[in-house]
Protein backbone atom coordinates (compact mmCIF):
# COMPACT_ATOMS: atom_id res chain seq x y z
CA UNK A 1 -0.01 0.02 0.01
CA UNK A 2 1.24 3.51 -0.80
CA UNK A 3 2.23 6.13 1.80
CA UNK A 4 -0.68 8.23 0.67
CA UNK A 5 -3.16 5.44 1.29
CA UNK A 6 -1.52 4.55 4.62
CA UNK A 7 -2.04 8.09 5.90
CA UNK A 8 -5.43 8.46 4.37
CA UNK A 9 -6.62 5.35 6.24
CA UNK A 10 -5.01 6.60 9.47
CA UNK A 11 -6.77 9.96 9.24
CA UNK A 12 -10.13 8.44 8.42
CA UNK A 13 -9.87 5.88 11.19
CA UNK A 14 -8.78 8.46 13.77
CA UNK A 15 -9.91 11.90 12.54
CA UNK A 16 -9.88 13.73 15.87
CA UNK A 17 -6.52 12.30 16.93
CA UNK A 18 -5.10 13.07 13.48
CA UNK A 19 -6.24 16.76 13.70
CA UNK A 20 -4.91 17.05 17.26
CA UNK A 21 -1.50 15.79 16.20
CA UNK A 22 -1.08 17.08 12.62
CA UNK A 23 -2.83 20.41 13.19
CA UNK A 24 -2.64 21.08 16.95
CA UNK A 25 -2.78 24.85 16.60
CA UNK A 26 -6.26 24.73 15.06
CA UNK A 27 -7.51 21.50 16.64
CA UNK A 28 -7.19 22.97 20.14
CA UNK A 29 -10.34 24.95 19.51
CA UNK A 30 -12.45 21.93 18.51
CA UNK A 31 -14.96 21.13 21.34
CA UNK A 32 -15.49 17.53 22.39
CA UNK A 33 -19.01 17.45 20.98
CA UNK A 34 -17.92 18.64 17.47
CA UNK A 35 -18.89 16.41 14.61
CA UNK A 36 -15.99 15.39 12.29
CA UNK A 37 -16.91 13.85 9.00
CA UNK A 38 -14.98 13.18 5.80
CA UNK A 39 -16.21 14.98 2.69
CA UNK A 40 -17.61 12.44 0.25
CA UNK A 41 -15.05 11.72 -2.46
CA UNK A 42 -17.74 10.83 -5.05
CA UNK A 43 -19.06 14.39 -4.67
CA UNK A 44 -15.60 15.91 -5.07
CA UNK A 45 -14.73 13.76 -8.03
CA UNK A 46 -17.95 14.56 -9.86
CA UNK A 47 -17.62 18.29 -9.33
CA UNK A 48 -13.87 18.84 -9.54
CA UNK A 49 -13.06 16.34 -12.35
CA UNK A 50 -9.37 16.18 -13.22
CA UNK A 51 -8.49 18.66 -10.51
CA UNK A 52 -9.58 16.23 -7.81
CA UNK A 53 -6.77 14.29 -6.05
CA UNK A 54 -8.31 11.18 -4.57
CA UNK A 55 -5.64 10.87 -1.93
CA UNK A 56 -6.27 14.23 -0.32
CA UNK A 57 -8.42 13.98 2.82
CA UNK A 58 -10.89 16.74 3.55
CA UNK A 59 -12.51 16.62 6.99
CA UNK A 60 -15.49 18.83 7.82
CA UNK A 61 -15.58 19.82 11.51
CA UNK A 62 -18.96 21.09 12.57
CA UNK A 63 -19.04 22.87 15.96
CA UNK A 64 -22.81 23.27 15.92
CA UNK A 65 -25.71 23.16 13.50
CA UNK A 66 -24.78 26.55 12.16
CA UNK A 67 -22.67 26.14 9.08
CA UNK A 68 -20.77 29.33 9.76
CA UNK A 69 -19.16 27.49 12.76
CA UNK A 70 -17.72 24.74 10.60
CA UNK A 71 -14.07 24.41 9.62
CA UNK A 72 -12.84 22.38 6.63
CA UNK A 73 -9.50 20.73 7.25
CA UNK A 74 -7.73 19.62 4.06
CA UNK A 75 -5.00 17.15 4.84
CA UNK A 76 -2.41 16.02 2.32
CA UNK A 77 0.48 13.59 2.83
CA UNK A 78 3.63 14.31 0.94
CA UNK A 79 6.37 11.67 1.04
CA UNK A 80 9.12 13.67 -0.70
CA UNK A 81 9.21 17.42 -0.32
CA UNK A 82 10.54 17.73 -3.85
CA UNK A 83 7.15 16.86 -5.26
CA UNK A 84 5.13 19.20 -3.07
CA UNK A 85 3.44 22.02 -4.95
CA UNK A 86 2.00 24.90 -2.99
CA UNK A 87 0.22 26.07 -6.15
CA UNK A 88 -1.59 22.73 -6.47
CA UNK A 89 -2.60 22.94 -2.81
CA UNK A 90 -3.98 26.43 -3.29
CA UNK A 91 -6.02 25.27 -6.32
CA UNK A 92 -7.46 22.36 -4.34
CA UNK A 93 -8.31 24.43 -1.24
CA UNK A 94 -10.04 27.07 -3.35
CA UNK A 95 -11.94 24.45 -5.38
CA UNK A 96 -13.20 22.53 -2.42
CA UNK A 97 -14.06 25.76 -0.49
CA UNK A 98 -16.06 26.91 -3.50
CA UNK A 99 -17.78 23.57 -3.84
CA UNK A 100 -18.80 23.52 -0.20
CA UNK A 101 -19.49 27.27 0.05
CA UNK A 102 -17.20 27.66 3.04
CA UNK A 103 -14.46 30.15 3.91
CA UNK A 104 -13.17 28.62 7.09
CA UNK A 105 -10.47 26.37 5.68
CA UNK A 106 -7.30 24.99 7.31
CA UNK A 107 -4.81 23.33 4.88
CA UNK A 108 -2.49 20.80 6.50
CA UNK A 109 0.44 19.02 4.80
CA UNK A 110 2.08 16.01 6.52
CA UNK A 111 5.65 15.67 5.29
CA UNK A 112 6.93 12.11 5.78
CA UNK A 113 10.57 12.79 4.98
CA UNK A 114 12.70 15.82 6.02
CA UNK A 115 13.43 18.35 3.29
CA UNK A 116 13.00 21.94 2.24
CA UNK A 117 9.65 23.25 1.14
CA UNK A 118 7.81 26.58 1.03
CA UNK A 119 5.56 27.50 3.89
CA UNK A 120 3.69 30.30 2.23
CA UNK A 121 3.05 32.07 -1.05
CA UNK A 122 2.29 35.69 -1.81
CA UNK A 123 1.20 37.02 -5.24
CA UNK A 124 1.19 40.72 -5.93
CA UNK A 125 3.34 43.68 -6.87
CA UNK A 126 5.64 46.10 -5.07
CA UNK A 127 2.54 48.07 -4.10
CA UNK A 128 0.12 45.39 -2.87
CA UNK A 129 -0.18 41.74 -1.97
CA UNK A 130 -3.24 40.37 -3.73
CA UNK A 131 -3.12 36.73 -2.62
CA UNK A 132 -1.45 35.46 0.57
CA UNK A 133 -1.54 31.76 1.40
CA UNK A 134 0.03 29.62 4.07
CA UNK A 135 -0.67 26.20 5.46
CA UNK A 136 0.07 24.06 8.59
CA UNK A 137 3.14 22.00 7.93
CA UNK A 138 3.69 18.84 10.02
CA UNK A 139 7.26 17.68 9.33
CA UNK A 140 7.29 14.19 10.89
CA UNK A 141 11.03 13.69 10.41
CA UNK A 142 11.72 16.90 12.39
CA UNK A 143 9.62 16.01 15.48
CA UNK A 144 11.64 14.51 18.35
CA UNK A 145 10.19 11.01 18.90
CA UNK A 146 11.16 11.16 22.63
CA UNK A 147 8.47 13.80 23.18
CA UNK A 148 5.69 11.38 22.16
CA UNK A 149 6.79 8.00 23.52
CA UNK A 150 4.17 8.22 26.28
CA UNK A 151 1.55 10.15 24.25
CA UNK A 152 -2.11 9.21 24.59
CA UNK A 153 -2.69 10.25 21.01
CA UNK A 154 -2.81 7.10 18.90
CA UNK A 155 -1.84 8.88 15.68
CA UNK A 156 1.27 10.19 17.33
CA UNK A 157 2.17 6.79 18.82
CA UNK A 158 1.90 4.83 15.58
CA UNK A 159 4.04 7.49 13.87
CA UNK A 160 6.91 7.31 16.35
CA UNK A 161 9.09 5.44 13.79
CA UNK A 162 8.58 8.37 11.43
CA UNK A 163 9.84 10.92 13.93
CA UNK A 164 13.39 11.98 14.58
CA UNK A 165 15.45 9.57 16.66
CA UNK A 166 18.94 8.14 16.84
CA UNK A 167 19.67 4.92 14.93
CA UNK A 168 20.36 3.07 18.13
CA UNK A 169 16.84 3.93 19.34
CA UNK A 170 15.06 2.22 16.46
CA UNK A 171 14.03 -0.88 18.38
CA UNK A 172 12.91 1.06 21.43
CA UNK A 173 10.91 3.46 19.35
CA UNK A 174 9.26 0.54 17.52
CA UNK A 175 8.34 -1.11 20.82
CA UNK A 176 6.87 2.09 22.24
CA UNK A 177 4.80 2.54 19.14
CA UNK A 178 3.41 -1.02 19.41
CA UNK A 179 2.78 -0.59 23.14
CA UNK A 180 0.81 2.59 22.46
CA UNK A 181 -1.24 0.84 19.84
CA UNK A 182 -2.10 -2.01 22.19
CA UNK A 183 -3.04 0.44 24.97
CA UNK A 184 -5.03 2.87 22.90
CA UNK A 185 -6.85 0.69 20.33
CA UNK A 186 -9.45 -1.79 21.73
CA UNK A 187 -10.50 -3.03 18.29
CA UNK A 188 -8.44 -6.14 17.44
CA UNK A 189 -8.93 -5.62 13.64
CA UNK A 190 -7.58 -2.11 13.79
CA UNK A 191 -4.72 -3.22 16.04
CA UNK A 192 -3.69 -5.76 13.31
CA UNK A 193 -4.00 -3.11 10.74
CA UNK A 194 -1.70 -0.65 12.47
CA UNK A 195 0.75 -3.25 13.67
CA UNK A 196 1.66 -3.52 10.00
CA UNK A 197 1.72 0.28 9.68
CA UNK A 198 4.26 0.60 12.52
CA UNK A 199 6.37 -2.32 11.17
CA UNK A 200 6.46 -0.81 7.67
CA UNK A 201 7.83 2.52 8.84
CA UNK A 202 10.13 1.06 11.56
CA UNK A 203 11.69 -1.13 8.85
CA UNK A 204 13.73 -3.14 11.33
CA UNK A 205 16.47 -5.46 9.95
CA UNK A 206 16.67 -9.13 10.94
CA UNK A 207 19.01 -8.54 13.86
CA UNK A 208 16.68 -5.91 15.31
CA UNK A 209 13.50 -7.96 15.05
């Protein structure tokens, strides 16, 4: 399975935990009773056509029955920063915002591997800025794994192998990720699913297993 699909499944299985980890600065304002639902991909595909990227994951967070209280989180996983396009992300955000008639949008990009990438884009002249865009960047490879080894956030725990750690810590990080999964996920089917996720990204050699 591709990295994109791995992270899409993770976000859809644990939407609140994903937002709290990948987009903590915005997720802190989400009340416990908020409703979090994925936007139907069939709807996006039909309306956006070739511009639709099936592996993007839009989540609609509704604070109340009033639509003006909703926030649309658009999450994208990018394995290699070289292939990230902020222009493509802008197009997608604007398209989906227009489709859903919403202006409260929070774009989030999860970078799997460390690397350089833009954080914002401004279009204009020396007199005025006519378009200013930025997004929440979650650079997994830059996050110290040690800060999350005891986290109660399941998305953080299963991603421990993707965070920054010393080579000699690989086995310990793998074990702490698996322990977290066992502690935080009561569903045996989901545990099996994410045991493989952790193993894939830990990528231990024979002597480490």
